[in-house]
C-alpha cells in the first residue's frame, strides 16, 4: 500500500497491485 501511494508512477505498480490483490485474497 505504501509503495502504490508513494510511487504511483513507478513501473512496478502493476506488480504491486497484483500482490495487493493476492494479499487481500
PDBML (XML) file of the C-alpha atoms, coordinates in Angstrom:
<?xml version="1.0" encoding="UTF-8" ?>
<PDBx:datablock datablockName="MODEL"
   xmlns:PDBx="http://pdbml.pdb.org/schema/pdbx-v50.xsd"
   xmlns:xsi="http://www.w3.org/2001/XMLSchema-instance"
   xsi:schemaLocation="http://pdbml.pdb.org/schema/pdbx-v50.xsd pdbx-v50.xsd">
   <PDBx:atom_siteCategory>
      <PDBx:atom_site id="1">
         <PDBx:B_iso_or_equiv>0.00</PDBx:B_iso_or_equiv>
         <PDBx:Cartn_x>0.000</PDBx:Cartn_x>
         <PDBx:Cartn_y>0.000</PDBx:Cartn_y>
         <PDBx:Cartn_z>0.000</PDBx:Cartn_z>
         <PDBx:auth_asym_id>A</PDBx:auth_asym_id>
         <PDBx:auth_atom_id>CA</PDBx:auth_atom_id>
         <PDBx:auth_comp_id>UNK</PDBx:auth_comp_id>
         <PDBx:auth_seq_id>1</PDBx:auth_seq_id>
         <PDBx:group_PDB>ATOM</PDBx:group_PDB>
         <PDBx:label_alt_id xsi:nil="true" />
         <PDBx:label_asym_id>A</PDBx:label_asym_id>
         <PDBx:label_atom_id>CA</PDBx:label_atom_id>
         <PDBx:label_comp_id>UNK</PDBx:label_comp_id>
         <PDBx:label_entity_id>1</PDBx:label_entity_id>
         <PDBx:label_seq_id>1</PDBx:label_seq_id>
         <PDBx:occupancy>1.00</PDBx:occupancy>
         <PDBx:pdbx_PDB_model_num>1</PDBx:pdbx_PDB_model_num>
         <PDBx:type_symbol>C</PDBx:type_symbol>
      </PDBx:atom_site>
      <PDBx:atom_site id="2">
         <PDBx:B_iso_or_equiv>0.00</PDBx:B_iso_or_equiv>
         <PDBx:Cartn_x>2.831</PDBx:Cartn_x>
         <PDBx:Cartn_y>2.408</PDBx:Cartn_y>
         <PDBx:Cartn_z>0.843</PDBx:Cartn_z>
         <PDBx:auth_asym_id>A</PDBx:auth_asym_id>
         <PDBx:auth_atom_id>CA</PDBx:auth_atom_id>
         <PDBx:auth_comp_id>UNK</PDBx:auth_comp_id>
         <PDBx:auth_seq_id>2</PDBx:auth_seq_id>
         <PDBx:group_PDB>ATOM</PDBx:group_PDB>
         <PDBx:label_alt_id xsi:nil="true" />
         <PDBx:label_asym_id>A</PDBx:label_asym_id>
         <PDBx:label_atom_id>CA</PDBx:label_atom_id>
         <PDBx:label_comp_id>UNK</PDBx:label_comp_id>
         <PDBx:label_entity_id>1</PDBx:label_entity_id>
         <PDBx:label_seq_id>2</PDBx:label_seq_id>
         <PDBx:occupancy>1.00</PDBx:occupancy>
         <PDBx:pdbx_PDB_model_num>1</PDBx:pdbx_PDB_model_num>
         <PDBx:type_symbol>C</PDBx:type_symbol>
      </PDBx:atom_site>
      <PDBx:atom_site id="3">
         <PDBx:B_iso_or_equiv>0.00</PDBx:B_iso_or_equiv>
         <PDBx:Cartn_x>4.538</PDBx:Cartn_x>
         <PDBx:Cartn_y>1.668</PDBx:Cartn_y>
         <PDBx:Cartn_z>-2.477</PDBx:Cartn_z>
         <PDBx:auth_asym_id>A</PDBx:auth_asym_id>
         <PDBx:auth_atom_id>CA</PDBx:auth_atom_id>
         <PDBx:auth_comp_id>UNK</PDBx:auth_comp_id>
         <PDBx:auth_seq_id>3</PDBx:auth_seq_id>
         <PDBx:group_PDB>ATOM</PDBx:group_PDB>
         <PDBx:label_alt_id xsi:nil="true" />
         <PDBx:label_asym_id>A</PDBx:label_asym_id>
         <PDBx:label_atom_id>CA</PDBx:label_atom_id>
         <PDBx:label_comp_id>UNK</PDBx:label_comp_id>
         <PDBx:label_entity_id>1</PDBx:label_entity_id>
         <PDBx:label_seq_id>3</PDBx:label_seq_id>
         <PDBx:occupancy>1.00</PDBx:occupancy>
         <PDBx:pdbx_PDB_model_num>1</PDBx:pdbx_PDB_model_num>
         <PDBx:type_symbol>C</PDBx:type_symbol>
      </PDBx:atom_site>
      <PDBx:atom_site id="4">
         <PDBx:B_iso_or_equiv>0.00</PDBx:B_iso_or_equiv>
         <PDBx:Cartn_x>1.383</PDBx:Cartn_x>
         <PDBx:Cartn_y>2.302</PDBx:Cartn_y>
         <PDBx:Cartn_z>-4.517</PDBx:Cartn_z>
         <PDBx:auth_asym_id>A</PDBx:auth_asym_id>
         <PDBx:auth_atom_id>CA</PDBx:auth_atom_id>
         <PDBx:auth_comp_id>UNK</PDBx:auth_comp_id>
         <PDBx:auth_seq_id>4</PDBx:auth_seq_id>
         <PDBx:group_PDB>ATOM</PDBx:group_PDB>
         <PDBx:label_alt_id xsi:nil="true" />
         <PDBx:label_asym_id>A</PDBx:label_asym_id>
         <PDBx:label_atom_id>CA</PDBx:label_atom_id>
         <PDBx:label_comp_id>UNK</PDBx:label_comp_id>
         <PDBx:label_entity_id>1</PDBx:label_entity_id>
         <PDBx:label_seq_id>4</PDBx:label_seq_id>
         <PDBx:occupancy>1.00</PDBx:occupancy>
         <PDBx:pdbx_PDB_model_num>1</PDBx:pdbx_PDB_model_num>
         <PDBx:type_symbol>C</PDBx:type_symbol>
      </PDBx:atom_site>
      <PDBx:atom_site id="5">
         <PDBx:B_iso_or_equiv>0.00</PDBx:B_iso_or_equiv>
         <PDBx:Cartn_x>0.543</PDBx:Cartn_x>
         <PDBx:Cartn_y>5.522</PDBx:Cartn_y>
         <PDBx:Cartn_z>-2.700</PDBx:Cartn_z>
         <PDBx:auth_asym_id>A</PDBx:auth_asym_id>
         <PDBx:auth_atom_id>CA</PDBx:auth_atom_id>
         <PDBx:auth_comp_id>UNK</PDBx:auth_comp_id>
         <PDBx:auth_seq_id>5</PDBx:auth_seq_id>
         <PDBx:group_PDB>ATOM</PDBx:group_PDB>
         <PDBx:label_alt_id xsi:nil="true" />
         <PDBx:label_asym_id>A</PDBx:label_asym_id>
         <PDBx:label_atom_id>CA</PDBx:label_atom_id>
         <PDBx:label_comp_id>UNK</PDBx:label_comp_id>
         <PDBx:label_entity_id>1</PDBx:label_entity_id>
         <PDBx:label_seq_id>5</PDBx:label_seq_id>
         <PDBx:occupancy>1.00</PDBx:occupancy>
         <PDBx:pdbx_PDB_model_num>1</PDBx:pdbx_PDB_model_num>
         <PDBx:type_symbol>C</PDBx:type_symbol>
      </PDBx:atom_site>
      <PDBx:atom_site id="6">
         <PDBx:B_iso_or_equiv>0.00</PDBx:B_iso_or_equiv>
         <PDBx:Cartn_x>4.093</PDBx:Cartn_x>
         <PDBx:Cartn_y>6.900</PDBx:Cartn_y>
         <PDBx:Cartn_z>-2.583</PDBx:Cartn_z>
         <PDBx:auth_asym_id>A</PDBx:auth_asym_id>
         <PDBx:auth_atom_id>CA</PDBx:auth_atom_id>
         <PDBx:auth_comp_id>UNK</PDBx:auth_comp_id>
         <PDBx:auth_seq_id>6</PDBx:auth_seq_id>
         <PDBx:group_PDB>ATOM</PDBx:group_PDB>
         <PDBx:label_alt_id xsi:nil="true" />
         <PDBx:label_asym_id>A</PDBx:label_asym_id>
         <PDBx:label_atom_id>CA</PDBx:label_atom_id>
         <PDBx:label_comp_id>UNK</PDBx:label_comp_id>
         <PDBx:label_entity_id>1</PDBx:label_entity_id>
         <PDBx:label_seq_id>6</PDBx:label_seq_id>
         <PDBx:occupancy>1.00</PDBx:occupancy>
         <PDBx:pdbx_PDB_model_num>1</PDBx:pdbx_PDB_model_num>
         <PDBx:type_symbol>C</PDBx:type_symbol>
      </PDBx:atom_site>
      <PDBx:atom_site id="7">
         <PDBx:B_iso_or_equiv>0.00</PDBx:B_iso_or_equiv>
         <PDBx:Cartn_x>5.261</PDBx:Cartn_x>
         <PDBx:Cartn_y>5.917</PDBx:Cartn_y>
         <PDBx:Cartn_z>-6.076</PDBx:Cartn_z>
         <PDBx:auth_asym_id>A</PDBx:auth_asym_id>
         <PDBx:auth_atom_id>CA</PDBx:auth_atom_id>
         <PDBx:auth_comp_id>UNK</PDBx:auth_comp_id>
         <PDBx:auth_seq_id>7</PDBx:auth_seq_id>
         <PDBx:group_PDB>ATOM</PDBx:group_PDB>
         <PDBx:label_alt_id xsi:nil="true" />
         <PDBx:label_asym_id>A</PDBx:label_asym_id>
         <PDBx:label_atom_id>CA</PDBx:label_atom_id>
         <PDBx:label_comp_id>UNK</PDBx:label_comp_id>
         <PDBx:label_entity_id>1</PDBx:label_entity_id>
         <PDBx:label_seq_id>7</PDBx:label_seq_id>
         <PDBx:occupancy>1.00</PDBx:occupancy>
         <PDBx:pdbx_PDB_model_num>1</PDBx:pdbx_PDB_model_num>
         <PDBx:type_symbol>C</PDBx:type_symbol>
      </PDBx:atom_site>
      <PDBx:atom_site id="8">
         <PDBx:B_iso_or_equiv>0.00</PDBx:B_iso_or_equiv>
         <PDBx:Cartn_x>2.119</PDBx:Cartn_x>
         <PDBx:Cartn_y>5.775</PDBx:Cartn_y>
         <PDBx:Cartn_z>-8.271</PDBx:Cartn_z>
         <PDBx:auth_asym_id>A</PDBx:auth_asym_id>
         <PDBx:auth_atom_id>CA</PDBx:auth_atom_id>
         <PDBx:auth_comp_id>UNK</PDBx:auth_comp_id>
         <PDBx:auth_seq_id>8</PDBx:auth_seq_id>
         <PDBx:group_PDB>ATOM</PDBx:group_PDB>
         <PDBx:label_alt_id xsi:nil="true" />
         <PDBx:label_asym_id>A</PDBx:label_asym_id>
         <PDBx:label_atom_id>CA</PDBx:label_atom_id>
         <PDBx:label_comp_id>UNK</PDBx:label_comp_id>
         <PDBx:label_entity_id>1</PDBx:label_entity_id>
         <PDBx:label_seq_id>8</PDBx:label_seq_id>
         <PDBx:occupancy>1.00</PDBx:occupancy>
         <PDBx:pdbx_PDB_model_num>1</PDBx:pdbx_PDB_model_num>
         <PDBx:type_symbol>C</PDBx:type_symbol>
      </PDBx:atom_site>
      <PDBx:atom_site id="9">
         <PDBx:B_iso_or_equiv>0.00</PDBx:B_iso_or_equiv>
         <PDBx:Cartn_x>4.206</PDBx:Cartn_x>
         <PDBx:Cartn_y>6.464</PDBx:Cartn_y>
         <PDBx:Cartn_z>-11.383</PDBx:Cartn_z>
         <PDBx:auth_asym_id>A</PDBx:auth_asym_id>
         <PDBx:auth_atom_id>CA</PDBx:auth_atom_id>
         <PDBx:auth_comp_id>UNK</PDBx:auth_comp_id>
         <PDBx:auth_seq_id>9</PDBx:auth_seq_id>
         <PDBx:group_PDB>ATOM</PDBx:group_PDB>
         <PDBx:label_alt_id xsi:nil="true" />
         <PDBx:label_asym_id>A</PDBx:label_asym_id>
         <PDBx:label_atom_id>CA</PDBx:label_atom_id>
         <PDBx:label_comp_id>UNK</PDBx:label_comp_id>
         <PDBx:label_entity_id>1</PDBx:label_entity_id>
         <PDBx:label_seq_id>9</PDBx:label_seq_id>
         <PDBx:occupancy>1.00</PDBx:occupancy>
         <PDBx:pdbx_PDB_model_num>1</PDBx:pdbx_PDB_model_num>
         <PDBx:type_symbol>C</PDBx:type_symbol>
      </PDBx:atom_site>
      <PDBx:atom_site id="10">
         <PDBx:B_iso_or_equiv>0.00</PDBx:B_iso_or_equiv>
         <PDBx:Cartn_x>6.576</PDBx:Cartn_x>
         <PDBx:Cartn_y>3.530</PDBx:Cartn_y>
         <PDBx:Cartn_z>-10.841</PDBx:Cartn_z>
         <PDBx:auth_asym_id>A</PDBx:auth_asym_id>
         <PDBx:auth_atom_id>CA</PDBx:auth_atom_id>
         <PDBx:auth_comp_id>UNK</PDBx:auth_comp_id>
         <PDBx:auth_seq_id>10</PDBx:auth_seq_id>
         <PDBx:group_PDB>ATOM</PDBx:group_PDB>
         <PDBx:label_alt_id xsi:nil="true" />
         <PDBx:label_asym_id>A</PDBx:label_asym_id>
         <PDBx:label_atom_id>CA</PDBx:label_atom_id>
         <PDBx:label_comp_id>UNK</PDBx:label_comp_id>
         <PDBx:label_entity_id>1</PDBx:label_entity_id>
         <PDBx:label_seq_id>10</PDBx:label_seq_id>
         <PDBx:occupancy>1.00</PDBx:occupancy>
         <PDBx:pdbx_PDB_model_num>1</PDBx:pdbx_PDB_model_num>
         <PDBx:type_symbol>C</PDBx:type_symbol>
      </PDBx:atom_site>
      <PDBx:atom_site id="11">
         <PDBx:B_iso_or_equiv>0.00</PDBx:B_iso_or_equiv>
         <PDBx:Cartn_x>6.819</PDBx:Cartn_x>
         <PDBx:Cartn_y>0.732</PDBx:Cartn_y>
         <PDBx:Cartn_z>-13.368</PDBx:Cartn_z>
         <PDBx:auth_asym_id>A</PDBx:auth_asym_id>
         <PDBx:auth_atom_id>CA</PDBx:auth_atom_id>
         <PDBx:auth_comp_id>UNK</PDBx:auth_comp_id>
         <PDBx:auth_seq_id>11</PDBx:auth_seq_id>
         <PDBx:group_PDB>ATOM</PDBx:group_PDB>
         <PDBx:label_alt_id xsi:nil="true" />
         <PDBx:label_asym_id>A</PDBx:label_asym_id>
         <PDBx:label_atom_id>CA</PDBx:label_atom_id>
         <PDBx:label_comp_id>UNK</PDBx:label_comp_id>
         <PDBx:label_entity_id>1</PDBx:label_entity_id>
         <PDBx:label_seq_id>11</PDBx:label_seq_id>
         <PDBx:occupancy>1.00</PDBx:occupancy>
         <PDBx:pdbx_PDB_model_num>1</PDBx:pdbx_PDB_model_num>
         <PDBx:type_symbol>C</PDBx:type_symbol>
      </PDBx:atom_site>
      <PDBx:atom_site id="12">
         <PDBx:B_iso_or_equiv>0.00</PDBx:B_iso_or_equiv>
         <PDBx:Cartn_x>6.445</PDBx:Cartn_x>
         <PDBx:Cartn_y>-1.823</PDBx:Cartn_y>
         <PDBx:Cartn_z>-10.544</PDBx:Cartn_z>
         <PDBx:auth_asym_id>A</PDBx:auth_asym_id>
         <PDBx:auth_atom_id>CA</PDBx:auth_atom_id>
         <PDBx:auth_comp_id>UNK</PDBx:auth_comp_id>
         <PDBx:auth_seq_id>12</PDBx:auth_seq_id>
         <PDBx:group_PDB>ATOM</PDBx:group_PDB>
         <PDBx:label_alt_id xsi:nil="true" />
         <PDBx:label_asym_id>A</PDBx:label_asym_id>
         <PDBx:label_atom_id>CA</PDBx:label_atom_id>
         <PDBx:label_comp_id>UNK</PDBx:label_comp_id>
         <PDBx:label_entity_id>1</PDBx:label_entity_id>
         <PDBx:label_seq_id>12</PDBx:label_seq_id>
         <PDBx:occupancy>1.00</PDBx:occupancy>
         <PDBx:pdbx_PDB_model_num>1</PDBx:pdbx_PDB_model_num>
         <PDBx:type_symbol>C</PDBx:type_symbol>
      </PDBx:atom_site>
      <PDBx:atom_site id="13">
         <PDBx:B_iso_or_equiv>0.00</PDBx:B_iso_or_equiv>
         <PDBx:Cartn_x>2.971</PDBx:Cartn_x>
         <PDBx:Cartn_y>-0.612</PDBx:Cartn_y>
         <PDBx:Cartn_z>-9.546</PDBx:Cartn_z>
         <PDBx:auth_asym_id>A</PDBx:auth_asym_id>
         <PDBx:auth_atom_id>CA</PDBx:auth_atom_id>
         <PDBx:auth_comp_id>UNK</PDBx:auth_comp_id>
         <PDBx:auth_seq_id>13</PDBx:auth_seq_id>
         <PDBx:group_PDB>ATOM</PDBx:group_PDB>
         <PDBx:label_alt_id xsi:nil="true" />
         <PDBx:label_asym_id>A</PDBx:label_asym_id>
         <PDBx:label_atom_id>CA</PDBx:label_atom_id>
         <PDBx:label_comp_id>UNK</PDBx:label_comp_id>
         <PDBx:label_entity_id>1</PDBx:label_entity_id>
         <PDBx:label_seq_id>13</PDBx:label_seq_id>
         <PDBx:occupancy>1.00</PDBx:occupancy>
         <PDBx:pdbx_PDB_model_num>1</PDBx:pdbx_PDB_model_num>
         <PDBx:type_symbol>C</PDBx:type_symbol>
      </PDBx:atom_site>
      <PDBx:atom_site id="14">
         <PDBx:B_iso_or_equiv>0.00</PDBx:B_iso_or_equiv>
         <PDBx:Cartn_x>1.161</PDBx:Cartn_x>
         <PDBx:Cartn_y>-3.232</PDBx:Cartn_y>
         <PDBx:Cartn_z>-11.691</PDBx:Cartn_z>
         <PDBx:auth_asym_id>A</PDBx:auth_asym_id>
         <PDBx:auth_atom_id>CA</PDBx:auth_atom_id>
         <PDBx:auth_comp_id>UNK</PDBx:auth_comp_id>
         <PDBx:auth_seq_id>14</PDBx:auth_seq_id>
         <PDBx:group_PDB>ATOM</PDBx:group_PDB>
         <PDBx:label_alt_id xsi:nil="true" />
         <PDBx:label_asym_id>A</PDBx:label_asym_id>
         <PDBx:label_atom_id>CA</PDBx:label_atom_id>
         <PDBx:label_comp_id>UNK</PDBx:label_comp_id>
         <PDBx:label_entity_id>1</PDBx:label_entity_id>
         <PDBx:label_seq_id>14</PDBx:label_seq_id>
         <PDBx:occupancy>1.00</PDBx:occupancy>
         <PDBx:pdbx_PDB_model_num>1</PDBx:pdbx_PDB_model_num>
         <PDBx:type_symbol>C</PDBx:type_symbol>
      </PDBx:atom_site>
      <PDBx:atom_site id="15">
         <PDBx:B_iso_or_equiv>0.00</PDBx:B_iso_or_equiv>
         <PDBx:Cartn_x>3.123</PDBx:Cartn_x>
         <PDBx:Cartn_y>-5.977</PDBx:Cartn_y>
         <PDBx:Cartn_z>-9.906</PDBx:Cartn_z>
         <PDBx:auth_asym_id>A</PDBx:auth_asym_id>
         <PDBx:auth_atom_id>CA</PDBx:auth_atom_id>
         <PDBx:auth_comp_id>UNK</PDBx:auth_comp_id>
         <PDBx:auth_seq_id>15</PDBx:auth_seq_id>
         <PDBx:group_PDB>ATOM</PDBx:group_PDB>
         <PDBx:label_alt_id xsi:nil="true" />
         <PDBx:label_asym_id>A</PDBx:label_asym_id>
         <PDBx:label_atom_id>CA</PDBx:label_atom_id>
         <PDBx:label_comp_id>UNK</PDBx:label_comp_id>
         <PDBx:label_entity_id>1</PDBx:label_entity_id>
         <PDBx:label_seq_id>15</PDBx:label_seq_id>
         <PDBx:occupancy>1.00</PDBx:occupancy>
         <PDBx:pdbx_PDB_model_num>1</PDBx:pdbx_PDB_model_num>
         <PDBx:type_symbol>C</PDBx:type_symbol>
      </PDBx:atom_site>
      <PDBx:atom_site id="16">
         <PDBx:B_iso_or_equiv>0.00</PDBx:B_iso_or_equiv>
         <PDBx:Cartn_x>2.378</PDBx:Cartn_x>
         <PDBx:Cartn_y>-4.317</PDBx:Cartn_y>
         <PDBx:Cartn_z>-6.585</PDBx:Cartn_z>
         <PDBx:auth_asym_id>A</PDBx:auth_asym_id>
         <PDBx:auth_atom_id>CA</PDBx:auth_atom_id>
         <PDBx:auth_comp_id>UNK</PDBx:auth_comp_id>
         <PDBx:auth_seq_id>16</PDBx:auth_seq_id>
         <PDBx:group_PDB>ATOM</PDBx:group_PDB>
         <PDBx:label_alt_id xsi:nil="true" />
         <PDBx:label_asym_id>A</PDBx:label_asym_id>
         <PDBx:label_atom_id>CA</PDBx:label_atom_id>
         <PDBx:label_comp_id>UNK</PDBx:label_comp_id>
         <PDBx:label_entity_id>1</PDBx:label_entity_id>
         <PDBx:label_seq_id>16</PDBx:label_seq_id>
         <PDBx:occupancy>1.00</PDBx:occupancy>
         <PDBx:pdbx_PDB_model_num>1</PDBx:pdbx_PDB_model_num>
         <PDBx:type_symbol>C</PDBx:type_symbol>
      </PDBx:atom_site>
      <PDBx:atom_site id="17">
         <PDBx:B_iso_or_equiv>0.00</PDBx:B_iso_or_equiv>
         <PDBx:Cartn_x>-1.337</PDBx:Cartn_x>
         <PDBx:Cartn_y>-4.246</PDBx:Cartn_y>
         <PDBx:Cartn_z>-7.393</PDBx:Cartn_z>
         <PDBx:auth_asym_id>A</PDBx:auth_asym_id>
         <PDBx:auth_atom_id>CA</PDBx:auth_atom_id>
         <PDBx:auth_comp_id>UNK</PDBx:auth_comp_id>
         <PDBx:auth_seq_id>17</PDBx:auth_seq_id>
         <PDBx:group_PDB>ATOM</PDBx:group_PDB>
         <PDBx:label_alt_id xsi:nil="true" />
         <PDBx:label_asym_id>A</PDBx:label_asym_id>
         <PDBx:label_atom_id>CA</PDBx:label_atom_id>
         <PDBx:label_comp_id>UNK</PDBx:label_comp_id>
         <PDBx:label_entity_id>1</PDBx:label_entity_id>
         <PDBx:label_seq_id>17</PDBx:label_seq_id>
         <PDBx:occupancy>1.00</PDBx:occupancy>
         <PDBx:pdbx_PDB_model_num>1</PDBx:pdbx_PDB_model_num>
         <PDBx:type_symbol>C</PDBx:type_symbol>
      </PDBx:atom_site>
      <PDBx:atom_site id="18">
         <PDBx:B_iso_or_equiv>0.00</PDBx:B_iso_or_equiv>
         <PDBx:Cartn_x>-1.287</PDBx:Cartn_x>
         <PDBx:Cartn_y>-7.973</PDBx:Cartn_y>
         <PDBx:Cartn_z>-8.218</PDBx:Cartn_z>
         <PDBx:auth_asym_id>A</PDBx:auth_asym_id>
         <PDBx:auth_atom_id>CA</PDBx:auth_atom_id>
         <PDBx:auth_comp_id>UNK</PDBx:auth_comp_id>
         <PDBx:auth_seq_id>18</PDBx:auth_seq_id>
         <PDBx:group_PDB>ATOM</PDBx:group_PDB>
         <PDBx:label_alt_id xsi:nil="true" />
         <PDBx:label_asym_id>A</PDBx:label_asym_id>
         <PDBx:label_atom_id>CA</PDBx:label_atom_id>
         <PDBx:label_comp_id>UNK</PDBx:label_comp_id>
         <PDBx:label_entity_id>1</PDBx:label_entity_id>
         <PDBx:label_seq_id>18</PDBx:label_seq_id>
         <PDBx:occupancy>1.00</PDBx:occupancy>
         <PDBx:pdbx_PDB_model_num>1</PDBx:pdbx_PDB_model_num>
         <PDBx:type_symbol>C</PDBx:type_symbol>
      </PDBx:atom_site>
      <PDBx:atom_site id="19">
         <PDBx:B_iso_or_equiv>0.00</PDBx:B_iso_or_equiv>
         <PDBx:Cartn_x>0.453</PDBx:Cartn_x>
         <PDBx:Cartn_y>-8.670</PDBx:Cartn_y>
         <PDBx:Cartn_z>-4.910</PDBx:Cartn_z>
         <PDBx:auth_asym_id>A</PDBx:auth_asym_id>
         <PDBx:auth_atom_id>CA</PDBx:auth_atom_id>
         <PDBx:auth_comp_id>UNK</PDBx:auth_comp_id>
         <PDBx:auth_seq_id>19</PDBx:auth_seq_id>
         <PDBx:group_PDB>ATOM</PDBx:group_PDB>
         <PDBx:label_alt_id xsi:nil="true" />
         <PDBx:label_asym_id>A</PDBx:label_asym_id>
         <PDBx:label_atom_id>CA</PDBx:label_atom_id>
         <PDBx:label_comp_id>UNK</PDBx:label_comp_id>
         <PDBx:label_entity_id>1</PDBx:label_entity_id>
         <PDBx:label_seq_id>19</PDBx:label_seq_id>
         <PDBx:occupancy>1.00</PDBx:occupancy>
         <PDBx:pdbx_PDB_model_num>1</PDBx:pdbx_PDB_model_num>
         <PDBx:type_symbol>C</PDBx:type_symbol>
      </PDBx:atom_site>
      <PDBx:atom_site id="20">
         <PDBx:B_iso_or_equiv>0.00</PDBx:B_iso_or_equiv>
         <PDBx:Cartn_x>-2.070</PDBx:Cartn_x>
         <PDBx:Cartn_y>-6.440</PDBx:Cartn_y>
         <PDBx:Cartn_z>-3.130</PDBx:Cartn_z>
         <PDBx:auth_asym_id>A</PDBx:auth_asym_id>
         <PDBx:auth_atom_id>CA</PDBx:auth_atom_id>
         <PDBx:auth_comp_id>UNK</PDBx:auth_comp_id>
         <PDBx:auth_seq_id>20</PDBx:auth_seq_id>
         <PDBx:group_PDB>ATOM</PDBx:group_PDB>
         <PDBx:label_alt_id xsi:nil="true" />
         <PDBx:label_asym_id>A</PDBx:label_asym_id>
         <PDBx:label_atom_id>CA</PDBx:label_atom_id>
         <PDBx:label_comp_id>UNK</PDBx:label_comp_id>
         <PDBx:label_entity_id>1</PDBx:label_entity_id>
         <PDBx:label_seq_id>20</PDBx:label_seq_id>
         <PDBx:occupancy>1.00</PDBx:occupancy>
         <PDBx:pdbx_PDB_model_num>1</PDBx:pdbx_PDB_model_num>
         <PDBx:type_symbol>C</PDBx:type_symbol>
      </PDBx:atom_site>
      <PDBx:atom_site id="21">
         <PDBx:B_iso_or_equiv>0.00</PDBx:B_iso_or_equiv>
         <PDBx:Cartn_x>-4.955</PDBx:Cartn_x>
         <PDBx:Cartn_y>-8.399</PDBx:Cartn_y>
         <PDBx:Cartn_z>-4.661</PDBx:Cartn_z>
         <PDBx:auth_asym_id>A</PDBx:auth_asym_id>
         <PDBx:auth_atom_id>CA</PDBx:auth_atom_id>
         <PDBx:auth_comp_id>UNK</PDBx:auth_comp_id>
         <PDBx:auth_seq_id>21</PDBx:auth_seq_id>
         <PDBx:group_PDB>ATOM</PDBx:group_PDB>
         <PDBx:label_alt_id xsi:nil="true" />
         <PDBx:label_asym_id>A</PDBx:label_asym_id>
         <PDBx:label_atom_id>CA</PDBx:label_atom_id>
         <PDBx:label_comp_id>UNK</PDBx:label_comp_id>
         <PDBx:label_entity_id>1</PDBx:label_entity_id>
         <PDBx:label_seq_id>21</PDBx:label_seq_id>
         <PDBx:occupancy>1.00</PDBx:occupancy>
         <PDBx:pdbx_PDB_model_num>1</PDBx:pdbx_PDB_model_num>
         <PDBx:type_symbol>C</PDBx:type_symbol>
      </PDBx:atom_site>
      <PDBx:atom_site id="22">
         <PDBx:B_iso_or_equiv>0.00</PDBx:B_iso_or_equiv>
         <PDBx:Cartn_x>-3.342</PDBx:Cartn_x>
         <PDBx:Cartn_y>-11.676</PDBx:Cartn_y>
         <PDBx:Cartn_z>-3.654</PDBx:Cartn_z>
         <PDBx:auth_asym_id>A</PDBx:auth_asym_id>
         <PDBx:auth_atom_id>CA</PDBx:auth_atom_id>
         <PDBx:auth_comp_id>UNK</PDBx:auth_comp_id>
         <PDBx:auth_seq_id>22</PDBx:auth_seq_id>
         <PDBx:group_PDB>ATOM</PDBx:group_PDB>
         <PDBx:label_alt_id xsi:nil="true" />
         <PDBx:label_asym_id>A</PDBx:label_asym_id>
         <PDBx:label_atom_id>CA</PDBx:label_atom_id>
         <PDBx:label_comp_id>UNK</PDBx:label_comp_id>
         <PDBx:label_entity_id>1</PDBx:label_entity_id>
         <PDBx:label_seq_id>22</PDBx:label_seq_id>
         <PDBx:occupancy>1.00</PDBx:occupancy>
         <PDBx:pdbx_PDB_model_num>1</PDBx:pdbx_PDB_model_num>
         <PDBx:type_symbol>C</PDBx:type_symbol>
      </PDBx:atom_site>
      <PDBx:atom_site id="23">
         <PDBx:B_iso_or_equiv>0.00</PDBx:B_iso_or_equiv>
         <PDBx:Cartn_x>-2.768</PDBx:Cartn_x>
         <PDBx:Cartn_y>-10.440</PDBx:Cartn_y>
         <PDBx:Cartn_z>-0.107</PDBx:Cartn_z>
         <PDBx:auth_asym_id>A</PDBx:auth_asym_id>
         <PDBx:auth_atom_id>CA</PDBx:auth_atom_id>
         <PDBx:auth_comp_id>UNK</PDBx:auth_comp_id>
         <PDBx:auth_seq_id>23</PDBx:auth_seq_id>
         <PDBx:group_PDB>ATOM</PDBx:group_PDB>
         <PDBx:label_alt_id xsi:nil="true" />
         <PDBx:label_asym_id>A</PDBx:label_asym_id>
         <PDBx:label_atom_id>CA</PDBx:label_atom_id>
         <PDBx:label_comp_id>UNK</PDBx:label_comp_id>
         <PDBx:label_entity_id>1</PDBx:label_entity_id>
         <PDBx:label_seq_id>23</PDBx:label_seq_id>
         <PDBx:occupancy>1.00</PDBx:occupancy>
         <PDBx:pdbx_PDB_model_num>1</PDBx:pdbx_PDB_model_num>
         <PDBx:type_symbol>C</PDBx:type_symbol>
      </PDBx:atom_site>
      <PDBx:atom_site id="24">
         <PDBx:B_iso_or_equiv>0.00</PDBx:B_iso_or_equiv>
         <PDBx:Cartn_x>-6.401</PDBx:Cartn_x>
         <PDBx:Cartn_y>-9.363</PDBx:Cartn_y>
         <PDBx:Cartn_z>0.125</PDBx:Cartn_z>
         <PDBx:auth_asym_id>A</PDBx:auth_asym_id>
         <PDBx:auth_atom_id>CA</PDBx:auth_atom_id>
         <PDBx:auth_comp_id>UNK</PDBx:auth_comp_id>
         <PDBx:auth_seq_id>24</PDBx:auth_seq_id>
         <PDBx:group_PDB>ATOM</PDBx:group_PDB>
         <PDBx:label_alt_id xsi:nil="true" />
         <PDBx:label_asym_id>A</PDBx:label_asym_id>
         <PDBx:label_atom_id>CA</PDBx:label_atom_id>
         <PDBx:label_comp_id>UNK</PDBx:label_comp_id>
         <PDBx:label_entity_id>1</PDBx:label_entity_id>
         <PDBx:label_seq_id>24</PDBx:label_seq_id>
         <PDBx:occupancy>1.00</PDBx:occupancy>
         <PDBx:pdbx_PDB_model_num>1</PDBx:pdbx_PDB_model_num>
         <PDBx:type_symbol>C</PDBx:type_symbol>
      </PDBx:atom_site>
      <PDBx:atom_site id="25">
         <PDBx:B_iso_or_equiv>0.00</PDBx:B_iso_or_equiv>
         <PDBx:Cartn_x>-7.485</PDBx:Cartn_x>
         <PDBx:Cartn_y>-12.775</PDBx:Cartn_y>
         <PDBx:Cartn_z>-1.144</PDBx:Cartn_z>
         <PDBx:auth_asym_id>A</PDBx:auth_asym_id>
         <PDBx:auth_atom_id>CA</PDBx:auth_atom_id>
         <PDBx:auth_comp_id>UNK</PDBx:auth_comp_id>
         <PDBx:auth_seq_id>25</PDBx:auth_seq_id>
         <PDBx:group_PDB>ATOM</PDBx:group_PDB>
         <PDBx:label_alt_id xsi:nil="true" />
         <PDBx:label_asym_id>A</PDBx:label_asym_id>
         <PDBx:label_atom_id>CA</PDBx:label_atom_id>
         <PDBx:label_comp_id>UNK</PDBx:label_comp_id>
         <PDBx:label_entity_id>1</PDBx:label_entity_id>
         <PDBx:label_seq_id>25</PDBx:label_seq_id>
         <PDBx:occupancy>1.00</PDBx:occupancy>
         <PDBx:pdbx_PDB_model_num>1</PDBx:pdbx_PDB_model_num>
         <PDBx:type_symbol>C</PDBx:type_symbol>
      </PDBx:atom_site>
   </PDBx:atom_siteCategory>
</PDBx:datablock>
